[in-house]
Protein backbone atom coordinates (compact mmCIF):
# COMPACT_ATOMS: atom_id res chain seq x y z
CA MET A 1 0.34 -0.11 -0.25
CA THR A 2 1.54 3.71 -1.22
CA SER A 3 2.43 5.76 1.96
CA THR A 4 -0.14 8.34 1.38
CA ALA A 5 1.48 10.84 3.28
CA THR A 6 4.75 11.20 0.89
CA ALA A 7 2.71 10.20 -2.96
CA GLN A 8 3.17 13.19 -5.10
CA ASN A 9 0.56 11.82 -8.21
CA LEU A 10 -1.40 8.94 -5.72
CA SER A 11 -3.25 7.40 -8.44
CA PHE A 12 -6.13 4.12 -8.15
CA VAL A 13 -4.56 1.57 -10.75
CA LEU A 14 -6.39 -1.60 -11.86
CA GLU A 15 -4.01 -4.36 -11.84
CA GLY A 16 -6.70 -7.52 -12.67
CA ILE A 17 -10.59 -8.43 -12.34
CA HIS A 18 -11.41 -7.25 -8.66
CA GLN A 19 -7.79 -6.20 -8.31
CA VAL A 20 -6.69 -2.20 -6.92
CA LYS A 21 -4.55 -0.09 -5.51
CA PHE A 22 -3.13 2.84 -4.85
CA GLU A 23 -0.10 3.59 -6.95
CA ASP A 24 2.11 6.83 -6.55
CA ARG A 25 2.94 7.60 -10.16
CA PRO A 26 5.66 10.82 -11.26
CA VAL A 27 3.05 13.34 -12.04
CA PRO A 28 2.72 13.62 -15.85
CA GLU A 29 5.33 15.63 -17.55
CA LEU A 30 4.33 18.76 -20.74
CA LYS A 31 5.68 17.36 -24.30
CA ASN A 32 3.68 19.27 -25.60
CA PRO A 33 3.46 23.18 -26.06
CA HIS A 34 -0.19 22.79 -26.03
CA ASP A 35 -0.70 20.87 -23.46
CA VAL A 36 -1.90 21.31 -19.50
CA LEU A 37 -1.47 20.08 -16.31
CA ILE A 38 -4.75 19.01 -14.12
CA ASN A 39 -4.92 18.70 -10.35
CA VAL A 40 -7.88 16.44 -11.13
CA LYS A 41 -10.78 17.52 -7.71
CA TYR A 42 -13.75 15.20 -8.58
CA THR A 43 -14.44 11.78 -10.55
CA GLY A 44 -17.47 10.19 -11.49
CA ILE A 45 -17.64 6.44 -11.72
CA CYS A 46 -18.61 5.28 -15.37
CA GLY A 47 -20.47 1.84 -15.20
CA SER A 48 -17.40 1.18 -18.22
CA ASP A 49 -15.17 1.42 -14.85
CA VAL A 50 -17.08 -0.87 -12.85
CA HIS A 51 -17.34 -3.41 -15.80
CA TYR A 52 -13.01 -3.05 -15.86
CA TRP A 53 -12.99 -3.91 -12.67
CA GLU A 54 -15.69 -6.58 -12.36
CA HIS A 55 -14.56 -8.60 -15.91
CA GLY A 56 -11.00 -7.53 -16.88
CA SER A 57 -12.48 -6.07 -20.52
CA ILE A 58 -15.10 -4.47 -22.31
CA GLY A 59 -15.44 -6.38 -25.74
CA GLN A 60 -11.67 -5.94 -27.20
CA PHE A 61 -10.14 -3.44 -25.13
CA VAL A 62 -8.74 -5.87 -22.32
CA VAL A 63 -6.59 -4.48 -19.34
CA LYS A 64 -3.25 -6.47 -19.68
CA GLU A 65 -1.38 -4.24 -17.82
CA PRO A 66 -2.05 -1.87 -14.62
CA MET A 67 -4.31 0.35 -15.39
CA VAL A 68 -5.28 3.88 -14.00
CA LEU A 69 -9.04 4.06 -13.82
CA GLY A 70 -12.09 6.99 -14.02
CA HIS A 71 -12.35 9.09 -17.27
CA GLU A 72 -15.66 11.80 -15.82
CA SER A 73 -13.62 14.37 -14.56
CA ALA A 74 -12.63 17.86 -13.35
CA GLY A 75 -10.31 20.12 -12.34
CA VAL A 76 -8.31 23.21 -11.37
CA ILE A 77 -4.96 23.87 -13.76
CA SER A 78 -1.93 23.78 -12.50
CA GLN A 79 0.60 24.15 -15.11
CA VAL A 80 0.12 25.42 -18.90
CA GLY A 81 1.96 24.41 -21.52
CA SER A 82 4.48 27.72 -23.56
CA ALA A 83 1.63 27.26 -26.39
CA VAL A 84 -1.48 27.64 -24.46
CA THR A 85 -3.67 30.99 -25.38
CA THR A 86 -6.91 30.37 -23.90
CA LEU A 87 -6.51 29.14 -20.20
CA LYS A 88 -4.07 29.78 -17.05
CA VAL A 89 -3.13 28.18 -13.85
CA GLY A 90 -6.04 28.28 -11.24
CA ASP A 91 -8.45 28.03 -13.92
CA ARG A 92 -11.25 25.20 -13.63
CA VAL A 93 -12.39 22.99 -16.10
CA ALA A 94 -14.26 20.47 -17.20
CA MET A 95 -11.63 17.36 -18.97
CA GLU A 96 -13.11 16.06 -22.03
CA PRO A 97 -10.89 12.00 -21.24
CA GLY A 98 -10.47 11.41 -25.44
CA ILE A 99 -7.81 12.50 -26.74
CA SER A 100 -8.22 11.71 -31.25
CA CYS A 101 -5.18 11.86 -33.72
CA ARG A 102 -5.96 14.87 -35.73
CA ARG A 103 -5.02 13.16 -38.70
CA CYS A 104 -7.04 10.22 -39.95
CA GLU A 105 -10.39 10.39 -42.12
CA PRO A 106 -12.79 10.86 -39.22
CA CYS A 107 -11.34 13.98 -37.58
CA LYS A 108 -10.71 15.16 -40.42
CA GLY A 109 -13.94 14.57 -41.48
CA GLY A 110 -15.23 16.26 -37.78
CA LYS A 111 -16.05 12.68 -36.49
CA TYR A 112 -13.21 12.89 -33.93
CA ASN A 113 -14.63 10.27 -31.49
CA LEU A 114 -14.81 7.72 -34.56
CA CYS A 115 -10.78 8.51 -34.44
CA GLU A 116 -9.07 5.55 -36.03
CA ASN A 117 -6.65 5.81 -33.00
CA MET A 118 -8.46 7.26 -30.26
CA ALA A 119 -6.20 7.81 -26.77
CA PHE A 120 -9.03 7.38 -24.24
CA ALA A 121 -8.85 7.24 -20.40
CA ALA A 122 -9.27 4.09 -19.03
CA THR A 123 -9.58 1.96 -21.95
CA PRO A 124 -6.58 -0.19 -22.69
CA PRO A 125 -3.83 1.09 -23.10
CA TYR A 126 -4.21 4.60 -21.87
CA ASP A 127 -4.52 5.61 -17.78
CA GLY A 128 -7.17 7.20 -16.27
CA THR A 129 -8.37 10.07 -14.91
CA LEU A 130 -8.46 9.37 -10.87
CA ALA A 131 -5.26 10.37 -9.19
CA LYS A 132 -3.59 13.29 -8.64
CA TYR A 133 -2.66 14.83 -12.14
CA TYR A 134 -3.51 14.44 -15.76
CA VAL A 135 -2.21 16.13 -19.10
CA LEU A 136 -4.30 17.12 -21.87
CA PRO A 137 -4.16 19.05 -24.53
CA GLU A 138 -5.71 22.59 -23.82
CA ASP A 139 -8.46 22.46 -26.41
CA PHE A 140 -9.98 19.73 -24.50
CA CYS A 141 -10.12 21.23 -21.47
CA TYR A 142 -13.11 23.09 -20.69
CA LYS A 143 -13.83 26.45 -18.50
CA LEU A 144 -16.34 26.18 -16.25
CA PRO A 145 -18.44 29.57 -15.45
CA GLU A 146 -17.92 30.68 -12.03
CA HIS A 147 -21.07 29.30 -11.08
CA LEU A 148 -20.59 25.89 -11.52
CA SER A 149 -19.42 23.99 -9.28
CA LEU A 150 -16.31 20.84 -10.13
CA GLN A 151 -18.35 19.06 -9.41
CA GLU A 152 -20.99 19.72 -11.98
CA GLY A 153 -17.66 19.94 -14.05
CA ALA A 154 -17.02 16.38 -13.06
CA LEU A 155 -21.16 14.97 -14.32
CA MET A 156 -19.89 16.83 -18.09
CA GLU A 157 -18.62 13.84 -19.33
CA PRO A 158 -22.21 11.45 -18.75
CA LEU A 159 -24.01 14.33 -20.32
CA SER A 160 -22.17 15.56 -23.36
CA VAL A 161 -22.31 11.59 -23.54
CA ALA A 162 -26.43 12.39 -23.48
CA VAL A 163 -26.08 15.50 -25.82
CA HIS A 164 -24.72 13.23 -28.23
CA ILE A 165 -26.98 11.08 -28.79
CA VAL A 166 -30.02 13.22 -28.31
CA ARG A 167 -28.47 15.40 -31.58
CA GLN A 168 -27.80 11.98 -33.41
CA ALA A 169 -31.67 11.83 -33.17
CA GLN A 170 -32.11 15.67 -33.91
CA VAL A 171 -34.73 16.35 -31.54
CA SER A 172 -36.69 19.13 -32.35
CA PRO A 173 -39.74 21.34 -30.34
CA GLY A 174 -42.62 19.47 -29.92
CA GLN A 175 -41.61 15.56 -30.46
CA SER A 176 -42.50 12.77 -28.58
CA VAL A 177 -39.02 11.27 -27.42
CA VAL A 178 -39.05 7.24 -25.57
CA VAL A 179 -36.12 6.62 -23.72
CA PHE A 180 -35.29 3.58 -22.39
CA GLY A 181 -32.70 2.64 -19.75
CA ALA A 182 -33.32 5.59 -16.60
CA GLY A 183 -29.55 5.49 -15.40
CA PRO A 184 -27.55 8.64 -15.37
CA VAL A 185 -27.03 8.71 -19.31
CA GLY A 186 -30.59 7.50 -20.22
CA LEU A 187 -31.69 10.19 -17.16
CA LEU A 188 -29.73 12.85 -18.74
CA CYS A 189 -31.37 11.87 -22.27
CA CYS A 190 -34.29 12.87 -20.58
CA ALA A 191 -33.13 16.38 -19.55
CA VAL A 192 -31.80 17.47 -22.83
CA ALA A 193 -34.53 16.09 -25.05
CA THR A 194 -37.00 18.61 -22.50
CA ALA A 195 -33.90 21.40 -22.74
CA PHE A 196 -34.07 21.02 -27.06
CA GLY A 197 -37.85 21.62 -26.65
CA ALA A 198 -39.24 17.85 -26.48
CA SER A 199 -42.90 18.33 -25.54
CA LYS A 200 -43.11 14.14 -24.29
CA VAL A 201 -40.59 12.70 -22.59
CA ILE A 202 -41.33 9.24 -20.87
CA ALA A 203 -38.20 7.55 -19.71
CA VAL A 204 -37.97 3.55 -19.71
CA ASP A 205 -36.70 0.96 -17.19
CA ILE A 206 -37.58 -2.07 -14.62
CA GLN A 207 -36.67 -0.71 -11.81
CA GLN A 208 -39.69 1.75 -9.74
CA PRO A 209 -36.70 3.51 -7.22
CA ARG A 210 -35.01 4.91 -11.35
CA LEU A 211 -38.75 5.65 -12.42
CA ASP A 212 -39.92 7.49 -9.50
CA PHE A 213 -36.48 9.54 -9.59
CA ALA A 214 -37.00 9.97 -13.68
CA LYS A 215 -40.77 11.35 -12.66
CA GLN A 216 -39.52 14.79 -10.44
CA TYR A 217 -36.00 15.06 -12.80
CA ALA A 218 -36.89 15.86 -16.32
CA THR A 219 -40.20 13.90 -18.00
CA THR A 220 -43.48 14.24 -18.20
CA SER A 221 -44.26 10.63 -17.16
CA THR A 222 -42.72 7.03 -16.59
CA PHE A 223 -43.45 3.02 -17.52
CA MET A 224 -42.36 0.00 -16.40
CA PRO A 225 -43.08 -3.12 -19.43
CA SER A 226 -44.70 -6.26 -18.54
CA LYS A 227 -43.26 -9.50 -18.87
CA VAL A 228 -45.37 -9.71 -22.23
CA SER A 229 -44.09 -9.53 -25.89
CA ALA A 230 -42.05 -6.54 -27.23
CA ILE A 231 -44.85 -5.37 -29.56
CA GLU A 232 -47.29 -5.27 -26.50
CA ASN A 233 -45.40 -3.15 -24.51
CA ALA A 234 -45.17 -1.55 -26.82
CA GLU A 235 -49.45 -0.62 -27.46
CA ARG A 236 -49.73 -0.14 -23.87
CA LEU A 237 -46.95 2.26 -23.88
CA ARG A 238 -48.72 4.68 -27.30
CA GLN A 239 -51.55 4.06 -25.49
CA GLU A 240 -51.24 5.29 -21.50
CA ASN A 241 -49.13 8.64 -23.58
CA ASP A 242 -51.30 9.44 -26.12
CA LEU A 243 -48.65 8.71 -28.81
CA GLY A 244 -50.93 8.18 -31.46
CA ALA A 245 -49.58 6.09 -34.85
CA GLY A 246 -45.87 5.96 -32.66
CA ALA A 247 -43.03 8.51 -30.60
CA ASP A 248 -41.18 10.52 -32.85
CA VAL A 249 -38.46 9.14 -31.08
CA ALA A 250 -36.26 6.59 -29.45
CA ILE A 251 -33.57 6.28 -27.99
CA ASP A 252 -32.33 2.96 -25.42
CA ALA A 253 -29.15 4.07 -22.78
CA SER A 254 -30.10 0.50 -21.62
CA GLY A 255 -28.50 -1.85 -24.15
CA ALA A 256 -31.30 -4.41 -23.21
CA GLU A 257 -33.01 -6.53 -26.55
CA PRO A 258 -36.28 -5.95 -25.23
CA SER A 259 -35.72 -2.49 -24.70
CA VAL A 260 -34.64 -2.78 -28.26
CA HIS A 261 -37.14 -4.39 -30.10
CA THR A 262 -40.17 -2.08 -27.85
CA GLY A 263 -38.14 1.53 -28.81
CA ILE A 264 -38.76 -0.32 -32.65
CA HIS A 265 -42.15 -1.19 -32.43
CA VAL A 266 -43.31 2.48 -30.14
CA LEU A 267 -42.55 4.37 -33.11
CA ARG A 268 -44.94 5.90 -35.73
CA ASN A 269 -43.41 5.57 -39.71
CA GLY A 270 -40.82 7.15 -40.48
CA GLY A 271 -39.35 7.58 -36.63
CA THR A 272 -36.12 7.91 -35.58
CA TYR A 273 -34.30 5.17 -33.18
CA VAL A 274 -30.94 6.18 -31.61
CA GLN A 275 -28.79 3.48 -29.97
CA GLY A 276 -26.92 4.71 -26.75
CA GLY A 277 -26.52 2.36 -24.86
CA MET A 278 -24.32 -0.79 -25.22
CA GLY A 279 -24.72 -4.83 -24.69
CA ARG A 280 -23.92 -8.26 -26.23
CA SER A 281 -22.25 -7.76 -29.05
CA GLU A 282 -25.09 -9.77 -30.60
CA ILE A 283 -28.91 -9.45 -30.63
CA HIS A 284 -32.22 -10.72 -32.45
CA PHE A 285 -33.09 -7.60 -34.64
CA PRO A 286 -36.97 -6.53 -35.69
CA ILE A 287 -35.34 -5.37 -39.04
CA MET A 288 -39.17 -5.93 -40.50
CA ALA A 289 -40.34 -3.59 -38.36
CA ALA A 290 -37.50 -1.34 -38.90
CA CYS A 291 -37.99 -1.44 -42.64
CA SER A 292 -42.01 -1.03 -43.16
CA LYS A 293 -41.70 2.10 -41.20
CA GLU A 294 -38.81 3.46 -43.50
CA LEU A 295 -36.87 3.95 -39.43
CA THR A 296 -34.03 6.21 -39.32
CA LEU A 297 -31.28 4.44 -37.27
CA ARG A 298 -28.39 5.55 -35.87
CA GLY A 299 -25.52 4.49 -33.92
CA SER A 300 -24.15 7.10 -30.78
CA PHE A 301 -20.51 6.37 -29.53
CA ARG A 302 -19.20 8.97 -26.80
CA TYR A 303 -18.95 13.00 -28.14
CA GLY A 304 -17.56 14.75 -30.49
CA SER A 305 -17.61 18.23 -31.69
CA GLY A 306 -19.48 21.22 -29.73
CA ASP A 307 -20.76 18.00 -27.86
CA TYR A 308 -18.48 19.53 -24.18
CA LYS A 309 -19.66 22.81 -25.18
CA LEU A 310 -23.41 22.76 -25.24
CA ALA A 311 -23.34 20.71 -22.27
CA VAL A 312 -21.50 22.88 -19.61
CA GLY A 313 -24.16 25.45 -21.84
CA LEU A 314 -27.24 24.09 -20.53
CA VAL A 315 -26.13 23.46 -17.27
CA SER A 316 -24.44 26.87 -16.85
CA SER A 317 -28.15 28.12 -18.24
CA GLY A 318 -29.67 26.96 -15.90
CA LYS A 319 -31.38 24.08 -19.47
CA VAL A 320 -30.41 21.09 -17.54
CA ASP A 321 -29.58 20.52 -12.97
CA VAL A 322 -26.52 17.89 -12.71
CA LYS A 323 -26.37 17.64 -9.48
CA LYS A 324 -29.84 16.48 -8.64
CA LEU A 325 -28.22 13.12 -9.98
CA ILE A 326 -24.68 12.90 -7.29
CA THR A 327 -25.89 10.16 -4.88
CA GLY A 328 -22.63 11.74 -2.69
CA THR A 329 -18.39 11.41 -2.15
CA VAL A 330 -16.53 9.61 -1.06
CA LYS A 331 -12.38 10.53 -0.46
CA PHE A 332 -10.32 9.51 -2.57
CA GLU A 333 -8.74 6.75 -0.36
CA GLU A 334 -11.81 4.67 0.03
CA ALA A 335 -12.76 4.48 -3.99
CA GLU A 336 -12.96 0.87 -4.19
CA SER A 337 -15.94 0.86 -1.42
CA ALA A 338 -17.43 3.20 -3.44
CA PHE A 339 -16.95 0.77 -7.08
CA LYS A 340 -18.84 -1.65 -4.25
CA GLU A 341 -21.00 0.51 -3.86
CA VAL A 342 -22.03 0.98 -7.50
CA LYS A 343 -21.59 -1.92 -7.99
CA ALA A 344 -24.56 -2.74 -5.77
CA GLY A 345 -26.48 0.10 -7.63
CA LYS A 346 -26.61 2.14 -4.86
CA GLY A 347 -27.19 5.70 -6.27
CA ILE A 348 -26.99 7.34 -9.23
CA LYS A 349 -23.89 8.93 -9.96
CA THR A 350 -21.10 8.69 -7.27
CA LEU A 351 -17.95 11.60 -7.06
CA ILE A 352 -14.26 10.31 -5.33
CA ALA A 353 -12.68 12.98 -4.36
CA GLY A 354 -9.08 14.17 -5.61
CA PHE A 355 -6.48 13.35 -3.58
CA ASP A 356 -4.84 16.34 -1.63
CA SER A 357 -1.80 15.50 -0.26
């Protein structure tokens, strides 16, 4: 166990399945004049972090070497490179944790979230942000307005995921939107859809406490599926919410196959379906309904150009409240117990405070 009294850059490191430790690592150096050094103050626990801790891999991404966890963070600038012009020491920033290469076709085409050489925090082999210090390019840091807290800043990462999903769905004023999954991202999708002017926002989940929270957070109504076919659930969902021929937009933030099916069936002809949640790598899919309705189907992956900036703007203007999602904050030294709490399904969003030696 690393002594916290003398640690310079204490980091929370995953060594293997359920094997974590605190390790003092060197303070990272600024190797690019456009980079900044950030003293990380708060980090949210994401489902992917827990998945790596629980299983050691996500799809083709396998933890082969010790890896620092965490990617939902905010902090304070402690050093700036010689070419940095937009930030100064002491600035409080939300941290976008994926650094694209800026050279591949997706990057040059404006879709850097699809970068072929993305270096994303806490995705093997790249270390994450659960450390005292972390380095980012200045343009991946978003200065927080004075009235926003660093805790809110840490929520900009999941909010940016939701912003990207809702932008993929092209939600517009007056539309009806059904969101499957009332976890953090699903709840934030509801909030963003509301901010975009949707007239009906319906959250779907199989856990009543989550639906209870969703109802007082950012929805017009909620829905709990029954143990019947997706077609039957979709029909009841339409009837109970006066959706007529169907919803304009369906968003899945759960990754659950029954939700995917119900989402396709609840849409009107010509509706839009966006897959934001990741579940099994392959599922059965109601392709006939998707074709005969001539649906627009889109995937959504992380966040792209303008998403973080819009996320900060939505919270700054009061259109989206992320504070309500914060269940609690634990000390850095209690990170492992926090992971266990999140794995057990307790709370909505738990934050780990930064290490202060």
